[in-house]
Structures are given as C-alpha cells and as structure tokens.
Amino acid sequence: MIYLILVGGAAYSDISSKLALQQFDLNGDGFFNGNEITSEQKTAMTNVISDTSSTLVIFTGLIFSGMISVLIFITGKIYEYIKLKKGSA
C-alpha cells in the first residue's frame, strides 16, 4: 500500500504538471511559439522538465516502502510478543 501511495502521488503530480503546461498551448499543436510563451508558461515548462520524482519514485519508492514495511512488521512482532508475555504472567 505504501508503494502504491508513493507511485500514485508521483503520477498525479506528473499528470497535473503536464496538464498545467498544456493550458498554454493555445492552438493545440503541441508546440509553444509566439504569444504562447509567457513567464507563466516558462515556469510550467520548468516544473515539467525538472520533475525527476515521477521517474525515480519507482525505484526509491521500493526502498522507502520496504523500510517502512519492515519497521511496521518488527513493531507488530514486538507488540505481539509483549502482549503474549503479559497474558501468560
């Protein structure tokens, strides 16, 4: 679940950045020219170009979600062990 949340969040961010950029394509040809290039368009283009999180989250998400899952598993086992000890005492 943690991995899906990470990847889903990155995909949502990537898609919304691209949609924001496409709002500046007034003639719908996929290219930006003339009056389509504004400071806001340049900012949106920079956001799309410099966004590496959506590409790298596939790999870093595995590592991060794996570490979180192991911590949750160990915490659960410790809690279970303590609960068993209290029940038998």
PDB file of N, CA and C in Angstrom:
ATOM      1  N   MET A   1       0.819  -1.196   0.000  1.00  0.00           N
ATOM      2  CA  MET A   1       0.000   0.000   0.000  1.00  0.00           C
ATOM      3  C   MET A   1       0.864   1.260   0.000  1.00  0.00           C
ATOM      4  N   ILE A   2       1.926   1.244   0.796  1.00  0.00           N
ATOM      5  CA  ILE A   2       2.792   2.425   0.874  1.00  0.00           C
ATOM      6  C   ILE A   2       3.396   2.717  -0.500  1.00  0.00           C
ATOM      7  N   TYR A   3       3.831   1.682  -1.193  1.00  0.00           N
ATOM      8  CA  TYR A   3       4.417   1.837  -2.513  1.00  0.00           C
ATOM      9  C   TYR A   3       3.400   2.416  -3.493  1.00  0.00           C
ATOM     10  N   LEU A   4       2.177   1.908  -3.450  1.00  0.00           N
ATOM     11  CA  LEU A   4       1.143   2.405  -4.351  1.00  0.00           C
ATOM     12  C   LEU A   4       0.810   3.869  -4.069  1.00  0.00           C
ATOM     13  N   ILE A   5       0.813   4.249  -2.811  1.00  0.00           N
ATOM     14  CA  ILE A   5       0.557   5.643  -2.457  1.00  0.00           C
ATOM     15  C   ILE A   5       1.667   6.544  -2.998  1.00  0.00           C
ATOM     16  N   LEU A   6       2.911   6.109  -2.852  1.00  0.00           N
ATOM     17  CA  LEU A   6       4.038   6.903  -3.348  1.00  0.00           C
ATOM     18  C   LEU A   6       4.001   7.050  -4.871  1.00  0.00           C
ATOM     19  N   VAL A   7       3.803   5.938  -5.558  1.00  0.00           N
ATOM     20  CA  VAL A   7       3.788   5.965  -7.020  1.00  0.00           C
ATOM     21  C   VAL A   7       2.563   6.730  -7.523  1.00  0.00           C
ATOM     22  N   GLY A   8       1.425   6.517  -6.875  1.00  0.00           N
ATOM     23  CA  GLY A   8       0.211   7.235  -7.270  1.00  0.00           C
ATOM     24  C   GLY A   8       0.338   8.734  -7.075  1.00  0.00           C
ATOM     25  N   GLY A   9       0.940   9.136  -5.970  1.00  0.00           N
ATOM     26  CA  GLY A   9       1.153  10.566  -5.730  1.00  0.00           C
ATOM     27  C   GLY A   9       2.076  11.189  -6.751  1.00  0.00           C
ATOM     28  N   ALA A  10       3.123  10.485  -7.113  1.00  0.00           N
ATOM     29  CA  ALA A  10       4.057  10.999  -8.120  1.00  0.00           C
ATOM     30  C   ALA A  10       3.397  11.057  -9.497  1.00  0.00           C
ATOM     31  N   ALA A  11       2.590  10.058  -9.822  1.00  0.00           N
ATOM     32  CA  ALA A  11       1.881  10.061 -11.108  1.00  0.00           C
ATOM     33  C   ALA A  11       0.889  11.220 -11.170  1.00  0.00           C
ATOM     34  N   TYR A  12       0.174  11.449 -10.075  1.00  0.00           N
ATOM     35  CA  TYR A  12      -0.770  12.567 -10.020  1.00  0.00           C
ATOM     36  C   TYR A  12      -0.047  13.900 -10.207  1.00  0.00           C
ATOM     37  N   SER A  13       1.082  14.062  -9.540  1.00  0.00           N
ATOM     38  CA  SER A  13       1.864  15.292  -9.657  1.00  0.00           C
ATOM     39  C   SER A  13       2.361  15.495 -11.085  1.00  0.00           C
ATOM     40  N   ASP A  14       2.816  14.424 -11.707  1.00  0.00           N
ATOM     41  CA  ASP A  14       3.323  14.494 -13.070  1.00  0.00           C
ATOM     42  C   ASP A  14       2.216  14.870 -14.049  1.00  0.00           C
ATOM     43  N   ILE A  15       1.072  14.231 -13.928  1.00  0.00           N
ATOM     44  CA  ILE A  15      -0.042  14.497 -14.837  1.00  0.00           C
ATOM     45  C   ILE A  15      -0.560  15.918 -14.656  1.00  0.00           C
ATOM     46  N   SER A  16      -0.693  16.368 -13.412  1.00  0.00           N
ATOM     47  CA  SER A  16      -1.203  17.724 -13.192  1.00  0.00           C
ATOM     48  C   SER A  16      -0.217  18.780 -13.690  1.00  0.00           C
ATOM     49  N   SER A  17       1.083  18.523 -13.600  1.00  0.00           N
ATOM     50  CA  SER A  17       2.077  19.460 -14.145  1.00  0.00           C
ATOM     51  C   SER A  17       1.972  19.544 -15.660  1.00  0.00           C
ATOM     52  N   LYS A  18       1.804  18.389 -16.298  1.00  0.00           N
ATOM     53  CA  LYS A  18       1.688  18.377 -17.762  1.00  0.00           C
ATOM     54  C   LYS A  18       0.390  19.033 -18.221  1.00  0.00           C
ATOM     55  N   LEU A  19      -0.690  18.822 -17.493  1.00  0.00           N
ATOM     56  CA  LEU A  19      -1.953  19.472 -17.846  1.00  0.00           C
ATOM     57  C   LEU A  19      -1.862  20.983 -17.677  1.00  0.00           C
ATOM     58  N   ALA A  20      -1.184  21.434 -16.627  1.00  0.00           N
ATOM     59  CA  ALA A  20      -0.990  22.864 -16.424  1.00  0.00           C
ATOM     60  C   ALA A  20      -0.183  23.470 -17.568  1.00  0.00           C
ATOM     61  N   LEU A  21       0.795  22.734 -18.061  1.00  0.00           N
ATOM     62  CA  LEU A  21       1.604  23.213 -19.180  1.00  0.00           C
ATOM     63  C   LEU A  21       0.779  23.264 -20.467  1.00  0.00           C
ATOM     64  N   GLN A  22      -0.076  22.278 -20.677  1.00  0.00           N
ATOM     65  CA  GLN A  22      -0.868  22.227 -21.902  1.00  0.00           C
ATOM     66  C   GLN A  22      -1.891  23.361 -22.001  1.00  0.00           C
ATOM     67  N   GLN A  23      -2.209  23.986 -20.890  1.00  0.00           N
ATOM     68  CA  GLN A  23      -3.127  25.125 -20.925  1.00  0.00           C
ATOM     69  C   GLN A  23      -2.532  26.303 -21.698  1.00  0.00           C
ATOM     70  N   PHE A  24      -1.225  26.334 -21.835  1.00  0.00           N
ATOM     71  CA  PHE A  24      -0.567  27.419 -22.562  1.00  0.00           C
ATOM     72  C   PHE A  24      -0.462  27.141 -24.059  1.00  0.00           C
ATOM     73  N   ASP A  25      -0.812  25.931 -24.496  1.00  0.00           N
ATOM     74  CA  ASP A  25      -0.779  25.589 -25.921  1.00  0.00           C
ATOM     75  C   ASP A  25      -2.109  26.013 -26.540  1.00  0.00           C
ATOM     76  N   LEU A  26      -2.172  27.257 -26.976  1.00  0.00           N
ATOM     77  CA  LEU A  26      -3.433  27.847 -27.418  1.00  0.00           C
ATOM     78  C   LEU A  26      -3.959  27.250 -28.715  1.00  0.00           C
ATOM     79  N   ASN A  27      -3.086  26.900 -29.651  1.00  0.00           N
ATOM     80  CA  ASN A  27      -3.549  26.355 -30.924  1.00  0.00           C
ATOM     81  C   ASN A  27      -3.564  24.826 -30.939  1.00  0.00           C
ATOM     82  N   GLY A  28      -3.151  24.188 -29.872  1.00  0.00           N
ATOM     83  CA  GLY A  28      -3.258  22.733 -29.737  1.00  0.00           C
ATOM     84  C   GLY A  28      -2.331  21.927 -30.618  1.00  0.00           C
ATOM     85  N   ASP A  29      -1.236  22.509 -31.080  1.00  0.00           N
ATOM     86  CA  ASP A  29      -0.328  21.772 -31.949  1.00  0.00           C
ATOM     87  C   ASP A  29       0.789  21.056 -31.196  1.00  0.00           C
ATOM     88  N   GLY A  30       0.869  21.237 -29.877  1.00  0.00           N
ATOM     89  CA  GLY A  30       1.892  20.564 -29.082  1.00  0.00           C
ATOM     90  C   GLY A  30       3.201  21.310 -29.006  1.00  0.00           C
ATOM     91  N   PHE A  31       3.281  22.459 -29.669  1.00  0.00           N
ATOM     92  CA  PHE A  31       4.488  23.286 -29.651  1.00  0.00           C
ATOM     93  C   PHE A  31       4.127  24.656 -29.098  1.00  0.00           C
ATOM     94  N   PHE A  32       5.104  25.312 -28.492  1.00  0.00           N
ATOM     95  CA  PHE A  32       4.893  26.640 -27.935  1.00  0.00           C
ATOM     96  C   PHE A  32       5.649  27.654 -28.783  1.00  0.00           C
ATOM     97  N   ASN A  33       4.913  28.616 -29.325  1.00  0.00           N
ATOM     98  CA  ASN A  33       5.555  29.638 -30.147  1.00  0.00           C
ATOM     99  C   ASN A  33       4.819  30.962 -29.989  1.00  0.00           C
ATOM    100  N   GLY A  34       5.480  32.021 -30.331  1.00  0.00           N
ATOM    101  CA  GLY A  34       4.875  33.341 -30.353  1.00  0.00           C
ATOM    102  C   GLY A  34       4.253  33.769 -29.047  1.00  0.00           C
ATOM    103  N   ASN A  35       2.938  34.022 -29.101  1.00  0.00           N
ATOM    104  CA  ASN A  35       2.245  34.541 -27.929  1.00  0.00           C
ATOM    105  C   ASN A  35       1.962  33.477 -26.870  1.00  0.00           C
ATOM    106  N   GLU A  36       2.264  32.231 -27.151  1.00  0.00           N
ATOM    107  CA  GLU A  36       2.065  31.160 -26.162  1.00  0.00           C
ATOM    108  C   GLU A  36       3.169  31.148 -25.105  1.00  0.00           C
ATOM    109  N   ILE A  37       4.306  31.718 -25.423  1.00  0.00           N
ATOM    110  CA  ILE A  37       5.436  31.714 -24.496  1.00  0.00           C
ATOM    111  C   ILE A  37       5.345  32.944 -23.588  1.00  0.00           C
ATOM    112  N   THR A  38       5.034  32.672 -22.331  1.00  0.00           N
ATOM    113  CA  THR A  38       4.956  33.730 -21.324  1.00  0.00           C
ATOM    114  C   THR A  38       5.811  33.310 -20.135  1.00  0.00           C
ATOM    115  N   SER A  39       5.889  34.179 -19.154  1.00  0.00           N
ATOM    116  CA  SER A  39       6.664  33.812 -17.957  1.00  0.00           C
ATOM    117  C   SER A  39       5.988  32.662 -17.209  1.00  0.00           C
ATOM    118  N   GLU A  40       4.655  32.634 -17.215  1.00  0.00           N
ATOM    119  CA  GLU A  40       3.938  31.527 -16.566  1.00  0.00           C
ATOM    120  C   GLU A  40       4.177  30.214 -17.306  1.00  0.00           C
ATOM    121  N   GLN A  41       4.216  30.285 -18.638  1.00  0.00           N
ATOM    122  CA  GLN A  41       4.486  29.081 -19.439  1.00  0.00           C
ATOM    123  C   GLN A  41       5.889  28.581 -19.183  1.00  0.00           C
ATOM    124  N   LYS A  42       6.835  29.489 -19.057  1.00  0.00           N
ATOM    125  CA  LYS A  42       8.221  29.089 -18.778  1.00  0.00           C
ATOM    126  C   LYS A  42       8.322  28.417 -17.407  1.00  0.00           C
ATOM    127  N   THR A  43       7.572  28.940 -16.431  1.00  0.00           N
ATOM    128  CA  THR A  43       7.563  28.331 -15.099  1.00  0.00           C
ATOM    129  C   THR A  43       6.958  26.937 -15.151  1.00  0.00           C
ATOM    130  N   ALA A  44       5.846  26.797 -15.875  1.00  0.00           N
ATOM    131  CA  ALA A  44       5.206  25.483 -16.013  1.00  0.00           C
ATOM    132  C   ALA A  44       6.118  24.509 -16.751  1.00  0.00           C
ATOM    133  N   MET A  45       6.816  24.994 -17.765  1.00  0.00           N
ATOM    134  CA  MET A  45       7.751  24.144 -18.519  1.00  0.00           C
ATOM    135  C   MET A  45       8.901  23.695 -17.629  1.00  0.00           C
ATOM    136  N   THR A  46       9.413  24.593 -16.809  1.00  0.00           N
ATOM    137  CA  THR A  46      10.488  24.235 -15.883  1.00  0.00           C
ATOM    138  C   THR A  46      10.023  23.174 -14.896  1.00  0.00           C
ATOM    139  N   ASN A  47       8.785  23.299 -14.413  1.00  0.00           N
ATOM    140  CA  ASN A  47       8.245  22.302 -13.484  1.00  0.00           C
ATOM    141  C   ASN A  47       8.158  20.929 -14.124  1.00  0.00           C
ATOM    142  N   VAL A  48       7.764  20.874 -15.389  1.00  0.00           N
ATOM    143  CA  VAL A  48       7.657  19.586 -16.079  1.00  0.00           C
ATOM    144  C   VAL A  48       9.042  19.017 -16.374  1.00  0.00           C
ATOM    145  N   ILE A  49       9.938  19.849 -16.835  1.00  0.00           N
ATOM    146  CA  ILE A  49      11.274  19.383 -17.228  1.00  0.00           C
ATOM    147  C   ILE A  49      12.093  18.932 -16.019  1.00  0.00           C
ATOM    148  N   SER A  50      12.023  19.668 -14.918  1.00  0.00           N
ATOM    149  CA  SER A  50      12.884  19.370 -13.772  1.00  0.00           C
ATOM    150  C   SER A  50      12.272  18.378 -12.791  1.00  0.00           C
ATOM    151  N   ASP A  51      11.114  17.815 -13.116  1.00  0.00           N
ATOM    152  CA  ASP A  51      10.466  16.860 -12.216  1.00  0.00           C
ATOM    153  C   ASP A  51      11.019  15.453 -12.449  1.00  0.00           C
ATOM    154  N   THR A  52      11.965  15.052 -11.607  1.00  0.00           N
ATOM    155  CA  THR A  52      12.521  13.708 -11.718  1.00  0.00           C
ATOM    156  C   THR A  52      11.871  12.740 -10.731  1.00  0.00           C
ATOM    157  N   SER A  53      11.048  13.274  -9.838  1.00  0.00           N
ATOM    158  CA  SER A  53      10.441  12.406  -8.817  1.00  0.00           C
ATOM    159  C   SER A  53       9.526  11.366  -9.435  1.00  0.00           C
ATOM    160  N   SER A  54       8.802  11.736 -10.480  1.00  0.00           N
ATOM    161  CA  SER A  54       7.886  10.769 -11.084  1.00  0.00           C
ATOM    162  C   SER A  54       8.639   9.637 -11.779  1.00  0.00           C
ATOM    163  N   THR A  55       9.841   9.908 -12.223  1.00  0.00           N
ATOM    164  CA  THR A  55      10.646   8.871 -12.869  1.00  0.00           C
ATOM    165  C   THR A  55      11.344   7.991 -11.840  1.00  0.00           C
ATOM    166  N   LEU A  56      11.881   8.603 -10.810  1.00  0.00           N
ATOM    167  CA  LEU A  56      12.684   7.870  -9.843  1.00  0.00           C
ATOM    168  C   LEU A  56      11.878   7.218  -8.724  1.00  0.00           C
ATOM    169  N   VAL A  57      10.611   7.604  -8.555  1.00  0.00           N
ATOM    170  CA  VAL A  57       9.830   7.065  -7.445  1.00  0.00           C
ATOM    171  C   VAL A  57       9.621   5.558  -7.582  1.00  0.00           C
ATOM    172  N   ILE A  58       9.712   5.028  -8.766  1.00  0.00           N
ATOM    173  CA  ILE A  58       9.574   3.581  -8.963  1.00  0.00           C
ATOM    174  C   ILE A  58      10.660   2.850  -8.197  1.00  0.00           C
ATOM    175  N   PHE A  59      11.861   3.396  -8.201  1.00  0.00           N
ATOM    176  CA  PHE A  59      12.981   2.761  -7.518  1.00  0.00           C
ATOM    177  C   PHE A  59      13.086   3.185  -6.053  1.00  0.00           C
ATOM    178  N   THR A  60      13.045   4.491  -5.817  1.00  0.00           N
ATOM    179  CA  THR A  60      13.161   4.970  -4.441  1.00  0.00           C
ATOM    180  C   THR A  60      11.951   4.583  -3.611  1.00  0.00           C
ATOM    181  N   GLY A  61      10.805   4.468  -4.256  1.00  0.00           N
ATOM    182  CA  GLY A  61       9.597   4.041  -3.555  1.00  0.00           C
ATOM    183  C   GLY A  61       9.713   2.623  -3.039  1.00  0.00           C
ATOM    184  N   LEU A  62      10.352   1.755  -3.803  1.00  0.00           N
ATOM    185  CA  LEU A  62      10.573   0.381  -3.346  1.00  0.00           C
ATOM    186  C   LEU A  62      11.429   0.356  -2.088  1.00  0.00           C
ATOM    187  N   ILE A  63      12.489   1.132  -2.098  1.00  0.00           N
ATOM    188  CA  ILE A  63      13.390   1.166  -0.942  1.00  0.00           C
ATOM    189  C   ILE A  63      12.678   1.754   0.266  1.00  0.00           C
ATOM    190  N   PHE A  64      12.042   2.918   0.082  1.00  0.00           N
ATOM    191  CA  PHE A  64      11.380   3.593   1.191  1.00  0.00           C
ATOM    192  C   PHE A  64      10.226   2.768   1.748  1.00  0.00           C
ATOM    193  N   SER A  65       9.371   2.249   0.867  1.00  0.00           N
ATOM    194  CA  SER A  65       8.233   1.467   1.354  1.00  0.00           C
ATOM    195  C   SER A  65       8.699   0.156   1.973  1.00  0.00           C
ATOM    196  N   GLY A  66       9.788  -0.401   1.480  1.00  0.00           N
ATOM    197  CA  GLY A  66      10.343  -1.606   2.093  1.00  0.00           C
ATOM    198  C   GLY A  66      10.832  -1.354   3.503  1.00  0.00           C
ATOM    199  N   MET A  67      11.516  -0.231   3.695  1.00  0.00           N
ATOM    200  CA  MET A  67      11.997   0.101   5.040  1.00  0.00           C
ATOM    201  C   MET A  67      10.828   0.346   5.993  1.00  0.00           C
ATOM    202  N   ILE A  68       9.828   1.083   5.555  1.00  0.00           N
ATOM    203  CA  ILE A  68       8.660   1.357   6.396  1.00  0.00           C
ATOM    204  C   ILE A  68       7.927   0.059   6.724  1.00  0.00           C
ATOM    205  N   SER A  69       7.772  -0.818   5.745  1.00  0.00           N
ATOM    206  CA  SER A  69       7.077  -2.087   5.968  1.00  0.00           C
ATOM    207  C   SER A  69       7.826  -2.965   6.968  1.00  0.00           C
ATOM    208  N   VAL A  70       9.145  -3.001   6.877  1.00  0.00           N
ATOM    209  CA  VAL A  70       9.941  -3.784   7.823  1.00  0.00           C
ATOM    210  C   VAL A  70       9.795  -3.218   9.233  1.00  0.00           C
ATOM    211  N   LEU A  71       9.820  -1.887   9.365  1.00  0.00           N
ATOM    212  CA  LEU A  71       9.638  -1.272  10.676  1.00  0.00           C
ATOM    213  C   LEU A  71       8.256  -1.585  11.260  1.00  0.00           C
ATOM    214  N   ILE A  72       7.233  -1.529  10.443  1.00  0.00           N
ATOM    215  CA  ILE A  72       5.877  -1.855  10.911  1.00  0.00           C
ATOM    216  C   ILE A  72       5.794  -3.321  11.315  1.00  0.00           C
ATOM    217  N   PHE A  73       6.411  -4.200  10.528  1.00  0.00           N
ATOM    218  CA  PHE A  73       6.400  -5.623  10.838  1.00  0.00           C
ATOM    219  C   PHE A  73       7.104  -5.901  12.168  1.00  0.00           C
ATOM    220  N   ILE A  74       8.284  -5.317  12.359  1.00  0.00           N
ATOM    221  CA  ILE A  74       9.044  -5.525  13.597  1.00  0.00           C
ATOM    222  C   ILE A  74       8.281  -4.966  14.795  1.00  0.00           C
ATOM    223  N   THR A  75       7.693  -3.783  14.641  1.00  0.00           N
ATOM    224  CA  THR A  75       6.899  -3.201  15.724  1.00  0.00           C
ATOM    225  C   THR A  75       5.719  -4.102  16.076  1.00  0.00           C
ATOM    226  N   GLY A  76       5.068  -4.644  15.082  1.00  0.00           N
ATOM    227  CA  GLY A  76       3.950  -5.565  15.318  1.00  0.00           C
ATOM    228  C   GLY A  76       4.389  -6.820  16.048  1.00  0.00           C
ATOM    229  N   LYS A  77       5.526  -7.362  15.666  1.00  0.00           N
ATOM    230  CA  LYS A  77       6.034  -8.567  16.326  1.00  0.00           C
ATOM    231  C   LYS A  77       6.414  -8.285  17.779  1.00  0.00           C
ATOM    232  N   ILE A  78       7.022  -7.129  18.031  1.00  0.00           N
ATOM    233  CA  ILE A  78       7.363  -6.758  19.408  1.00  0.00           C
ATOM    234  C   ILE A  78       6.097  -6.591  20.234  1.00  0.00           C
ATOM    235  N   TYR A  79       5.105  -5.917  19.677  1.00  0.00           N
ATOM    236  CA  TYR A  79       3.826  -5.737  20.375  1.00  0.00           C
ATOM    237  C   TYR A  79       3.173  -7.084  20.670  1.00  0.00           C
ATOM    238  N   GLU A  80       3.204  -7.979  19.698  1.00  0.00           N
ATOM    239  CA  GLU A  80       2.633  -9.318  19.878  1.00  0.00           C
ATOM    240  C   GLU A  80       3.374 -10.085  20.971  1.00  0.00           C
ATOM    241  N   TYR A  81       4.687  -9.982  20.994  1.00  0.00           N
ATOM    242  CA  TYR A  81       5.499 -10.659  21.996  1.00  0.00           C
ATOM    243  C   TYR A  81       5.191 -10.127  23.387  1.00  0.00           C
ATOM    244  N   ILE A  82       5.092  -8.804  23.517  1.00  0.00           N
ATOM    245  CA  ILE A  82       4.774  -8.190  24.825  1.00  0.00           C
ATOM    246  C   ILE A  82       3.379  -8.603  25.272  1.00  0.00           C
ATOM    247  N   LYS A  83       2.444  -8.622  24.364  1.00  0.00           N
ATOM    248  CA  LYS A  83       1.069  -8.996  24.687  1.00  0.00           C
ATOM    249  C   LYS A  83       1.005 -10.442  25.154  1.00  0.00           C
ATOM    250  N   LEU A  84       1.763 -11.349  24.536  1.00  0.00           N
ATOM    251  CA  LEU A  84       1.788 -12.753  24.942  1.00  0.00           C
ATOM    252  C   LEU A  84       2.417 -12.907  26.340  1.00  0.00           C
ATOM    253  N   LYS A  85       3.478 -12.142  26.599  1.00  0.00           N
ATOM    254  CA  LYS A  85       4.132 -12.201  27.902  1.00  0.00           C
ATOM    255  C   LYS A  85       3.211 -11.725  29.022  1.00  0.00           C
ATOM    256  N   LYS A  86       2.458 -10.660  28.765  1.00  0.00           N
ATOM    257  CA  LYS A  86       1.524 -10.143  29.769  1.00  0.00           C
ATOM    258  C   LYS A  86       0.370 -11.112  29.998  1.00  0.00           C
ATOM    259  N   GLY A  87      -0.047 -11.781  28.943  1.00  0.00           N
ATOM    260  CA  GLY A  87      -1.151 -12.736  29.053  1.00  0.00           C
ATOM    261  C   GLY A  87      -0.781 -14.003  29.832  1.00  0.00           C
ATOM    262  N   SER A  88       0.474 -14.421  29.729  1.00  0.00           N
ATOM    263  CA  SER A  88       0.901 -15.644  30.423  1.00  0.00           C
ATOM    264  C   SER A  88       1.347 -15.361  31.850  1.00  0.00           C
ATOM    265  N   ALA A  89       1.575 -14.122  32.199  1.00  0.00           N
ATOM    266  CA  ALA A  89       2.058 -13.785  33.556  1.00  0.00           C
ATOM    267  C   ALA A  89       0.934 -13.672  34.559  1.00  0.00           C
TER     268      ALA A  89
END
